[in-house]
C-alpha atoms as a PDB file:
ATOM      1  CA  MET A   1      -4.354 -13.527  12.548  1.00  0.00           C
ATOM      2  CA  SER A   2      -1.604 -13.716  15.187  1.00  0.00           C
ATOM      3  CA  GLU A   3      -1.356 -16.650  17.586  1.00  0.00           C
ATOM      4  CA  ARG A   4      -2.834 -14.527  20.378  1.00  0.00           C
ATOM      5  CA  GLY A   5      -5.281 -12.669  18.149  1.00  0.00           C
ATOM      6  CA  ARG A   6      -7.883 -15.421  17.932  1.00  0.00           C
ATOM      7  CA  TYR A   7      -8.295 -15.527  21.716  1.00  0.00           C
ATOM      8  CA  LYS A   8      -9.598 -11.940  21.609  1.00  0.00           C
ATOM      9  CA  SER A   9     -11.442 -12.202  18.289  1.00  0.00           C
ATOM     10  CA  ARG A  10     -15.157 -11.374  18.398  1.00  0.00           C
ATOM     11  CA  THR A  11     -15.727 -13.683  15.429  1.00  0.00           C
ATOM     12  CA  HIS A  12     -14.156 -16.620  17.243  1.00  0.00           C
ATOM     13  CA  ARG A  13     -16.097 -15.702  20.368  1.00  0.00           C
ATOM     14  CA  ALA A  14     -19.393 -15.746  18.463  1.00  0.00           C
ATOM     15  CA  ALA A  15     -18.557 -19.148  16.974  1.00  0.00           C
ATOM     16  CA  ARG A  16     -17.715 -20.482  20.448  1.00  0.00           C
ATOM     17  CA  PHE A  17     -21.034 -19.228  21.779  1.00  0.00           C
ATOM     18  CA  VAL A  18     -22.860 -21.366  19.219  1.00  0.00           C
ATOM     19  CA  ALA A  19     -20.614 -24.386  19.847  1.00  0.00           C
ATOM     20  CA  GLN A  20     -20.636 -24.161  23.646  1.00  0.00           C
ATOM     21  CA  GLN A  21     -24.015 -22.749  24.598  1.00  0.00           C
ATOM     22  CA  LEU A  22     -26.260 -23.993  21.777  1.00  0.00           C
ATOM     23  CA  MET A  23     -24.648 -27.376  21.050  1.00  0.00           C
ATOM     24  CA  LEU A  24     -22.342 -28.698  23.778  1.00  0.00           C
ATOM     25  CA  LYS A  25     -24.109 -27.572  26.955  1.00  0.00           C
ATOM     26  CA  PRO A  26     -27.654 -28.710  26.016  1.00  0.00           C
ATOM     27  CA  THR A  27     -26.267 -32.094  24.955  1.00  0.00           C
ATOM     28  CA  LEU A  28     -24.212 -32.576  28.119  1.00  0.00           C
ATOM     29  CA  TRP A  29     -26.934 -31.346  30.458  1.00  0.00           C
ATOM     30  CA  GLY A  30     -29.313 -33.775  28.729  1.00  0.00           C
ATOM     31  CA  LEU A  31     -27.013 -36.781  29.161  1.00  0.00           C
ATOM     32  CA  LEU A  32     -26.079 -36.059  32.781  1.00  0.00           C
ATOM     33  CA  ASP A  33     -27.813 -34.960  35.974  1.00  0.00           C
ATOM     34  CA  ILE A  34     -25.579 -31.939  36.703  1.00  0.00           C
ATOM     35  CA  LYS A  35     -25.676 -29.924  39.905  1.00  0.00           C
ATOM     36  CA  VAL A  36     -23.687 -26.679  40.215  1.00  0.00           C
ATOM     37  CA  HIS A  37     -22.667 -25.377  43.650  1.00  0.00           C
ATOM     38  CA  GLY A  38     -21.014 -22.190  44.869  1.00  0.00           C
ATOM     39  CA  LYS A  39     -22.038 -19.724  42.159  1.00  0.00           C
ATOM     40  CA  GLN A  40     -22.630 -17.111  44.837  1.00  0.00           C
ATOM     41  CA  LEU A  41     -18.905 -17.199  45.601  1.00  0.00           C
ATOM     42  CA  ILE A  42     -17.920 -15.951  42.132  1.00  0.00           C
ATOM     43  CA  ARG A  43     -20.413 -13.117  41.699  1.00  0.00           C
ATOM     44  CA  HIS A  44     -17.661 -10.502  41.983  1.00  0.00           C
ATOM     45  CA  LEU A  45     -14.933 -12.397  40.118  1.00  0.00           C
ATOM     46  CA  GLU A  46     -13.557 -10.552  37.088  1.00  0.00           C
ATOM     47  CA  PRO A  47     -11.011 -11.637  34.440  1.00  0.00           C
ATOM     48  CA  PRO A  48      -8.218 -12.407  34.255  1.00  0.00           C
ATOM     49  CA  TYR A  49      -8.060 -15.409  36.592  1.00  0.00           C
ATOM     50  CA  ILE A  50      -7.061 -19.063  36.399  1.00  0.00           C
ATOM     51  CA  VAL A  51      -9.593 -21.851  36.889  1.00  0.00           C
ATOM     52  CA  VAL A  52      -7.973 -24.896  38.506  1.00  0.00           C
ATOM     53  CA  SER A  53      -9.662 -28.280  38.913  1.00  0.00           C
ATOM     54  CA  ASN A  54      -9.108 -31.956  39.523  1.00  0.00           C
ATOM     55  CA  HIS A  55      -9.096 -33.911  36.266  1.00  0.00           C
ATOM     56  CA  SER A  56     -10.391 -37.465  35.846  1.00  0.00           C
ATOM     57  CA  SER A  57     -12.623 -37.402  32.745  1.00  0.00           C
ATOM     58  CA  HIS A  58     -13.021 -35.795  29.328  1.00  0.00           C
ATOM     59  CA  LEU A  59     -16.212 -34.344  30.807  1.00  0.00           C
ATOM     60  CA  ASP A  60     -14.298 -31.990  33.111  1.00  0.00           C
ATOM     61  CA  CYS A  61     -13.595 -29.176  30.664  1.00  0.00           C
ATOM     62  CA  PRO A  62     -17.104 -28.898  29.155  1.00  0.00           C
ATOM     63  CA  LEU A  63     -18.638 -29.236  32.631  1.00  0.00           C
ATOM     64  CA  ILE A  64     -16.667 -26.251  33.915  1.00  0.00           C
ATOM     65  CA  ILE A  65     -17.338 -24.119  30.847  1.00  0.00           C
ATOM     66  CA  GLY A  66     -21.055 -24.945  30.970  1.00  0.00           C
ATOM     67  CA  ALA A  67     -21.335 -24.335  34.711  1.00  0.00           C
ATOM     68  CA  LEU A  68     -19.609 -20.947  34.698  1.00  0.00           C
ATOM     69  CA  PRO A  69     -21.749 -17.835  34.147  1.00  0.00           C
ATOM     70  CA  ARG A  70     -21.420 -16.740  30.536  1.00  0.00           C
ATOM     71  CA  ARG A  71     -19.670 -13.506  31.492  1.00  0.00           C
ATOM     72  CA  LEU A  72     -16.854 -15.602  32.984  1.00  0.00           C
ATOM     73  CA  SER A  73     -16.660 -18.316  30.312  1.00  0.00           C
ATOM     74  CA  ARG A  74     -16.951 -16.363  27.054  1.00  0.00           C
ATOM     75  CA  LYS A  75     -13.208 -15.603  26.812  1.00  0.00           C
ATOM     76  CA  LEU A  76     -11.951 -18.583  28.808  1.00  0.00           C
ATOM     77  CA  ALA A  77      -8.969 -20.350  27.191  1.00  0.00           C
ATOM     78  CA  THR A  78      -8.201 -23.964  28.083  1.00  0.00           C
ATOM     79  CA  GLY A  79      -4.701 -25.386  28.364  1.00  0.00           C
ATOM     80  CA  ALA A  80      -4.360 -28.548  26.248  1.00  0.00           C
ATOM     81  CA  ALA A  81      -1.461 -30.912  25.554  1.00  0.00           C
ATOM     82  CA  ALA A  82       0.334 -29.673  22.449  1.00  0.00           C
ATOM     83  CA  ASP A  83       1.454 -33.143  21.370  1.00  0.00           C
ATOM     84  CA  TYR A  84      -2.070 -34.595  21.532  1.00  0.00           C
ATOM     85  CA  PHE A  85      -4.413 -31.758  20.550  1.00  0.00           C
ATOM     86  CA  PHE A  86      -2.247 -29.641  18.249  1.00  0.00           C
ATOM     87  CA  GLY A  87      -0.550 -32.303  16.151  1.00  0.00           C
ATOM     88  CA  ASN A  88      -3.643 -32.791  13.989  1.00  0.00           C
ATOM     89  CA  ALA A  89      -5.403 -29.942  12.139  1.00  0.00           C
ATOM     90  CA  VAL A  90      -8.918 -31.370  12.585  1.00  0.00           C
ATOM     91  CA  LYS A  91      -8.438 -32.035  16.304  1.00  0.00           C
ATOM     92  CA  SER A  92      -6.820 -28.627  16.832  1.00  0.00           C
ATOM     93  CA  THR A  93      -9.626 -26.783  15.023  1.00  0.00           C
ATOM     94  CA  THR A  94     -12.381 -28.704  16.831  1.00  0.00           C
ATOM     95  CA  THR A  95     -10.957 -28.233  20.331  1.00  0.00           C
ATOM     96  CA  GLY A  96     -10.184 -24.618  19.529  1.00  0.00           C
ATOM     97  CA  LEU A  97     -13.794 -24.011  18.515  1.00  0.00           C
ATOM     98  CA  PHE A  98     -15.365 -25.673  21.559  1.00  0.00           C
ATOM     99  CA  PHE A  99     -12.775 -24.956  24.262  1.00  0.00           C
ATOM    100  CA  ASN A 100     -10.629 -22.051  22.991  1.00  0.00           C
ATOM    101  CA  THR A 101      -7.552 -24.182  23.612  1.00  0.00           C
ATOM    102  CA  PHE A 102      -3.978 -22.982  23.911  1.00  0.00           C
ATOM    103  CA  PRO A 103      -1.009 -25.374  23.685  1.00  0.00           C
ATOM    104  CA  VAL A 104       0.896 -26.591  26.720  1.00  0.00           C
ATOM    105  CA  GLU A 105       3.888 -28.801  25.999  1.00  0.00           C
ATOM    106  CA  ARG A 106       3.970 -31.671  28.448  1.00  0.00           C
ATOM    107  CA  GLY A 107       7.266 -31.896  30.273  1.00  0.00           C
ATOM    108  CA  LYS A 108       8.056 -28.216  29.627  1.00  0.00           C
ATOM    109  CA  GLY A 109       5.402 -26.632  31.821  1.00  0.00           C
ATOM    110  CA  LEU A 110       3.345 -23.523  31.246  1.00  0.00           C
ATOM    111  CA  ARG A 111       6.408 -21.392  30.646  1.00  0.00           C
ATOM    112  CA  GLY A 112       7.263 -23.716  27.775  1.00  0.00           C
ATOM    113  CA  LYS A 113      11.026 -23.396  28.085  1.00  0.00           C
ATOM    114  CA  GLY A 114      12.550 -24.204  24.717  1.00  0.00           C
ATOM    115  CA  SER A 115       9.134 -24.210  23.042  1.00  0.00           C
ATOM    116  CA  LYS A 116       7.708 -22.024  20.291  1.00  0.00           C
ATOM    117  CA  HIS A 117       4.727 -21.483  22.618  1.00  0.00           C
ATOM    118  CA  ARG A 118       6.922 -20.218  25.433  1.00  0.00           C
ATOM    119  CA  GLY A 119       5.179 -17.721  27.678  1.00  0.00           C
ATOM    120  CA  LEU A 120       1.839 -17.889  25.854  1.00  0.00           C
ATOM    121  CA  ALA A 121      -0.187 -18.510  29.038  1.00  0.00           C
ATOM    122  CA  GLY A 122       1.316 -15.443  30.694  1.00  0.00           C
ATOM    123  CA  HIS A 123       0.729 -13.302  27.606  1.00  0.00           C
ATOM    124  CA  LEU A 124      -2.926 -14.362  27.501  1.00  0.00           C
ATOM    125  CA  LEU A 125      -3.382 -13.338  31.131  1.00  0.00           C
ATOM    126  CA  ASN A 126      -1.754  -9.993  30.320  1.00  0.00           C
ATOM    127  CA  ASP A 127      -4.328  -9.634  27.534  1.00  0.00           C
ATOM    128  CA  GLY A 128      -7.148 -10.171  30.042  1.00  0.00           C
ATOM    129  CA  ILE A 129      -7.914 -13.741  28.925  1.00  0.00           C
ATOM    130  CA  PRO A 130      -8.839 -16.085  31.817  1.00  0.00           C
ATOM    131  CA  LEU A 131      -7.405 -19.596  31.706  1.00  0.00           C
ATOM    132  CA  LEU A 132      -8.572 -23.105  32.597  1.00  0.00           C
ATOM    133  CA  ILE A 133      -5.674 -25.339  33.611  1.00  0.00           C
ATOM    134  CA  PHE A 134      -5.508 -28.854  35.060  1.00  0.00           C
ATOM    135  CA  PRO A 135      -2.298 -28.868  37.166  1.00  0.00           C
ATOM    136  CA  GLU A 136      -2.185 -32.668  37.367  1.00  0.00           C
ATOM    137  CA  GLY A 137      -0.997 -32.534  33.756  1.00  0.00           C
ATOM    138  CA  THR A 138      -3.150 -35.433  32.583  1.00  0.00           C
ATOM    139  CA  ARG A 139      -6.396 -37.207  33.405  1.00  0.00           C
ATOM    140  CA  SER A 140      -6.408 -39.521  36.391  1.00  0.00           C
ATOM    141  CA  ARG A 141      -7.174 -43.069  35.246  1.00  0.00           C
ATOM    142  CA  THR A 142      -8.396 -44.058  38.714  1.00  0.00           C
ATOM    143  CA  GLY A 143     -10.446 -41.060  39.873  1.00  0.00           C
ATOM    144  CA  ALA A 144      -7.836 -40.263  42.537  1.00  0.00           C
ATOM    145  CA  MET A 145      -6.333 -36.791  42.389  1.00  0.00           C
ATOM    146  CA  GLY A 146      -2.690 -36.641  41.375  1.00  0.00           C
ATOM    147  CA  SER A 147      -0.109 -34.137  42.559  1.00  0.00           C
ATOM    148  CA  PHE A 148      -0.363 -30.583  41.238  1.00  0.00           C
ATOM    149  CA  GLY A 149       2.545 -29.098  39.326  1.00  0.00           C
ATOM    150  CA  PRO A 150       3.555 -25.618  40.574  1.00  0.00           C
ATOM    151  CA  GLY A 151       3.349 -23.900  37.174  1.00  0.00           C
ATOM    152  CA  THR A 152      -0.223 -22.683  37.557  1.00  0.00           C
ATOM    153  CA  ALA A 153       0.433 -21.255  41.016  1.00  0.00           C
ATOM    154  CA  ALA A 154       3.575 -19.582  39.669  1.00  0.00           C
ATOM    155  CA  LEU A 155       1.472 -17.884  36.987  1.00  0.00           C
ATOM    156  CA  CYS A 156      -0.956 -16.599  39.618  1.00  0.00           C
ATOM    157  CA  ILE A 157       1.964 -15.145  41.565  1.00  0.00           C
ATOM    158  CA  SER A 158       3.842 -13.633  38.614  1.00  0.00           C
ATOM    159  CA  ARG A 159       0.745 -12.142  36.964  1.00  0.00           C
ATOM    160  CA  ASN A 160      -1.014 -11.231  40.239  1.00  0.00           C
ATOM    161  CA  VAL A 161      -4.253 -13.009  39.318  1.00  0.00           C
ATOM    162  CA  PRO A 162      -6.537 -15.151  41.493  1.00  0.00           C
ATOM    163  CA  CYS A 163      -7.081 -18.881  41.238  1.00  0.00           C
ATOM    164  CA  LEU A 164     -10.659 -20.131  41.053  1.00  0.00           C
ATOM    165  CA  PRO A 165     -10.689 -23.622  42.614  1.00  0.00           C
ATOM    166  CA  VAL A 166     -13.208 -26.070  41.165  1.00  0.00           C
ATOM    167  CA  ALA A 167     -13.993 -29.616  42.285  1.00  0.00           C
ATOM    168  CA  ILE A 168     -15.587 -32.042  39.827  1.00  0.00           C
ATOM    169  CA  VAL A 169     -17.423 -34.849  41.608  1.00  0.00           C
ATOM    170  CA  GLY A 170     -18.621 -38.004  39.873  1.00  0.00           C
ATOM    171  CA  ALA A 171     -17.302 -37.342  36.359  1.00  0.00           C
ATOM    172  CA  SER A 172     -14.886 -40.300  36.415  1.00  0.00           C
ATOM    173  CA  LEU A 173     -17.830 -42.582  37.238  1.00  0.00           C
ATOM    174  CA  ALA A 174     -20.123 -41.007  34.646  1.00  0.00           C
ATOM    175  CA  MET A 175     -17.560 -41.269  31.854  1.00  0.00           C
ATOM    176  CA  PRO A 176     -14.431 -43.212  32.821  1.00  0.00           C
ATOM    177  CA  THR A 177     -11.294 -43.457  30.728  1.00  0.00           C
ATOM    178  CA  GLY A 178     -11.980 -45.450  27.563  1.00  0.00           C
ATOM    179  CA  ARG A 179     -15.544 -44.250  27.027  1.00  0.00           C
ATOM    180  CA  SER A 180     -16.473 -41.735  24.332  1.00  0.00           C
ATOM    181  CA  LEU A 181     -19.918 -41.013  25.817  1.00  0.00           C
ATOM    182  CA  PRO A 182     -21.316 -40.867  29.369  1.00  0.00           C
ATOM    183  CA  LYS A 183     -23.007 -43.926  30.820  1.00  0.00           C
ATOM    184  CA  LYS A 184     -26.742 -44.263  30.278  1.00  0.00           C
ATOM    185  CA  GLY A 185     -29.277 -43.183  32.886  1.00  0.00           C
ATOM    186  CA  ARG A 186     -28.120 -39.565  33.382  1.00  0.00           C
ATOM    187  CA  PRO A 187     -25.509 -40.223  36.092  1.00  0.00           C
ATOM    188  CA  LYS A 188     -25.125 -37.518  38.722  1.00  0.00           C
ATOM    189  CA  VAL A 189     -22.199 -35.112  38.441  1.00  0.00           C
ATOM    190  CA  HIS A 190     -21.426 -32.108  40.635  1.00  0.00           C
ATOM    191  CA  VAL A 191     -19.450 -28.967  39.784  1.00  0.00           C
ATOM    192  CA  VAL A 192     -18.338 -27.120  42.928  1.00  0.00           C
ATOM    193  CA  PHE A 193     -16.948 -23.572  42.797  1.00  0.00           C
ATOM    194  CA  GLY A 194     -14.843 -22.381  45.714  1.00  0.00           C
ATOM    195  CA  GLU A 195     -13.875 -18.905  46.804  1.00  0.00           C
ATOM    196  CA  PRO A 196     -11.213 -17.315  44.576  1.00  0.00           C
ATOM    197  CA  MET A 197      -7.773 -17.761  46.108  1.00  0.00           C
ATOM    198  CA  TRP A 198      -4.817 -15.371  46.113  1.00  0.00           C
ATOM    199  CA  PRO A 199      -1.221 -16.213  46.991  1.00  0.00           C
ATOM    200  CA  LYS A 200      -0.163 -15.082  50.452  1.00  0.00           C
ATOM    201  CA  PRO A 201       2.743 -12.642  50.856  1.00  0.00           C
ATOM    202  CA  GLY A 202       5.990 -14.577  50.528  1.00  0.00           C
ATOM    203  CA  GLU A 203       4.242 -17.805  49.563  1.00  0.00           C
ATOM    204  CA  THR A 204       6.178 -19.884  47.040  1.00  0.00           C
ATOM    205  CA  ALA A 205       4.617 -21.454  43.957  1.00  0.00           C
ATOM    206  CA  HIS A 206       4.937 -24.925  45.503  1.00  0.00           C
ATOM    207  CA  GLU A 207       3.269 -23.786  48.726  1.00  0.00           C
ATOM    208  CA  PHE A 208       0.423 -22.046  46.917  1.00  0.00           C
ATOM    209  CA  SER A 209      -0.044 -25.048  44.612  1.00  0.00           C
ATOM    210  CA  ASP A 210      -0.248 -27.417  47.591  1.00  0.00           C
ATOM    211  CA  ARG A 211      -2.789 -25.132  49.266  1.00  0.00           C
ATOM    212  CA  ILE A 212      -4.943 -25.043  46.115  1.00  0.00           C
ATOM    213  CA  ALA A 213      -4.821 -28.846  45.844  1.00  0.00           C
ATOM    214  CA  ALA A 214      -5.824 -29.245  49.500  1.00  0.00           C
ATOM    215  CA  VAL A 215      -8.795 -26.887  49.054  1.00  0.00           C
ATOM    216  CA  ILE A 216     -10.013 -28.739  45.954  1.00  0.00           C
ATOM    217  CA  ARG A 217      -9.678 -32.115  47.668  1.00  0.00           C
ATOM    218  CA  THR A 218     -11.715 -30.838  50.635  1.00  0.00           C
ATOM    219  CA  MET A 219     -14.367 -29.339  48.327  1.00  0.00           C
ATOM    220  CA  HIS A 220     -14.605 -32.648  46.449  1.00  0.00           C
ATOM    221  CA  ASP A 221     -14.947 -34.783  49.556  1.00  0.00           C
ATOM    222  CA  GLU A 222     -17.489 -32.533  51.272  1.00  0.00           C
ATOM    223  CA  ARG A 223     -19.779 -32.640  48.229  1.00  0.00           C
ATOM    224  CA  ALA A 224     -19.107 -36.346  47.539  1.00  0.00           C
ATOM    225  CA  GLU A 225     -20.072 -37.265  51.094  1.00  0.00           C
ATOM    226  CA  LYS A 226     -23.370 -35.377  50.799  1.00  0.00           C
ATOM    227  CA  ALA A 227     -24.054 -36.936  47.390  1.00  0.00           C
ATOM    228  CA  LYS A 228     -23.088 -40.443  48.584  1.00  0.00           C
ATOM    229  CA  LEU A 229     -20.318 -40.668  45.977  1.00  0.00           C
ATOM    230  CA  PRO A 230     -16.745 -41.951  46.531  1.00  0.00           C
ATOM    231  CA  LEU A 231     -14.275 -39.773  48.420  1.00  0.00           C
ATOM    232  CA  MET A 232     -10.733 -39.239  47.167  1.00  0.00           C
ATOM    233  CA  SER A 233      -9.516 -41.758  49.740  1.00  0.00           C
ATOM    234  CA  ASP A 234     -11.927 -44.334  48.263  1.00  0.00           C
ATOM    235  CA  TYR A 235     -10.452 -43.837  44.791  1.00  0.00           C
ATOM    236  CA  GLU A 236      -6.928 -44.047  46.195  1.00  0.00           C
ATOM    237  CA  ARG A 237      -7.713 -47.269  48.084  1.00  0.00           C
ATOM    238  CA  ALA A 238      -9.309 -48.841  45.006  1.00  0.00           C
ATOM    239  CA  ALA A 239      -6.284 -47.869  42.890  1.00  0.00           C
ATOM    240  CA  LEU A 240      -3.876 -49.476  45.375  1.00  0.00           C
ATOM    241  CA  GLU A 241      -5.975 -52.642  45.513  1.00  0.00           C
ATOM    242  CA  ALA A 242      -6.098 -52.844  41.731  1.00  0.00           C
ATOM    243  CA  LYS A 243      -2.342 -52.324  41.529  1.00  0.00           C
ATOM    244  CA  ALA A 244      -1.723 -55.054  44.103  1.00  0.00           C
ATOM    245  CA  ALA A 245      -4.075 -57.446  42.301  1.00  0.00           C
ATOM    246  CA  GLN A 246      -2.301 -56.771  39.010  1.00  0.00           C
ATOM    247  CA  LYS A 247       1.086 -57.391  40.621  1.00  0.00           C
ATOM    248  CA  THR A 248      -0.126 -60.715  42.034  1.00  0.00           C
ATOM    249  CA  GLU A 249      -1.511 -61.693  38.638  1.00  0.00           C
ATOM    250  CA  ASP A 250       1.755 -60.793  36.886  1.00  0.00           C
ATOM    251  CA  GLU A 251       3.832 -62.736  39.426  1.00  0.00           C
ATOM    252  CA  SER A 252       1.561 -65.736  39.046  1.00  0.00           C
ATOM    253  CA  ALA A 253       1.853 -65.617  35.276  1.00  0.00           C
ATOM    254  CA  ALA A 254       5.653 -65.328  35.497  1.00  0.00           C
ATOM    255  CA  THR A 255       5.815 -68.309  37.861  1.00  0.00           C
ATOM    256  CA  ASN A 256       3.677 -70.428  35.533  1.00  0.00           C
ATOM    257  CA  GLU A 257       5.957 -69.595  32.609  1.00  0.00           C
ATOM    258  CA  LYS A 258       9.023 -70.764  34.557  1.00  0.00           C
ATOM    259  CA  GLU A 259       7.494 -74.108  35.592  1.00  0.00           C
ATOM    260  CA  PRO A 260       8.916 -76.964  33.482  1.00  0.00           C
ATOM    261  CA  GLU A 261       6.555 -78.904  31.287  1.00  0.00           C
ATOM    262  CA  GLN A 262       5.565 -82.317  32.694  1.00  0.00           C
END
C-alpha cells in the first residue's frame, strides 16, 4: 500500500473505529470528567479542513478525536513528530492505529523541505483527508500557549480549506508532562470548538496564524474563567516565577561552589 493509501483505506478506518471508539474513548471518558462545547458550530463543516489546537498534554489528541462527531473524525489524520513517533516500528504502528498519524519533521515544517515526506500534508488535504495539527510544534511544559508556526495557516491558504479552532482547557492539570495516566478523581477537562475560520483576502500565513492563535487563546480563557480553571496569563505568570526561582537557585549554587573552604 502506498504511503497515502492507508489514510483512505476502509480496512484501516475500521480498525481505527475499534481502537478509537470502542477502546480509547470509553477509557478516557471514564478517567476524566469531559465537557464538550460548541458542537453546534460545526454541524455544517465538511472535509477537508485542518483542526488546530493549543497543546499542553498527551491527552489533547485523543480528547479532540473523541469529542468530534464521528463523521468528522473517521478520516482525521494527526501530524506527529517524525523523529519521535516514526523512528520505532511499534510506536509508529500504535500511533497510526489510534490517531492515523502522518509524519512531520521538526525544524522542516509541514512542507518538509528536504524530507522524504515533503508535501504529504498538502497531498492528504487534496485527497479529502482532514488534518489535526498542533502549530506550537511541541507540548507546552507549563500549560502556557507557545507561538504558532505559520505552516498550518499556509496550508489553509494554499489548499483553500478552513481551520477549525479548538481550545483544550484543563488537560495540562489533569495529566501534566511526566505522567503516563491522568490524575485520580476524574479531573475536569473541557474541549471547546470554535467557528471554522477562513483566511481573509490578501491575508498572509503569519497574519492568519496569529489570528487563529488569538481566537484559541480567547476561547480557552472564556471557558477557563467559567470553569474556575487557570487562564493562559496564570500559566504564563507561574512559568516566569518558576524560571526566576530556578535562576536564583542556580546562582546560589554557583556562589556556594566558589566560596573557599574554611
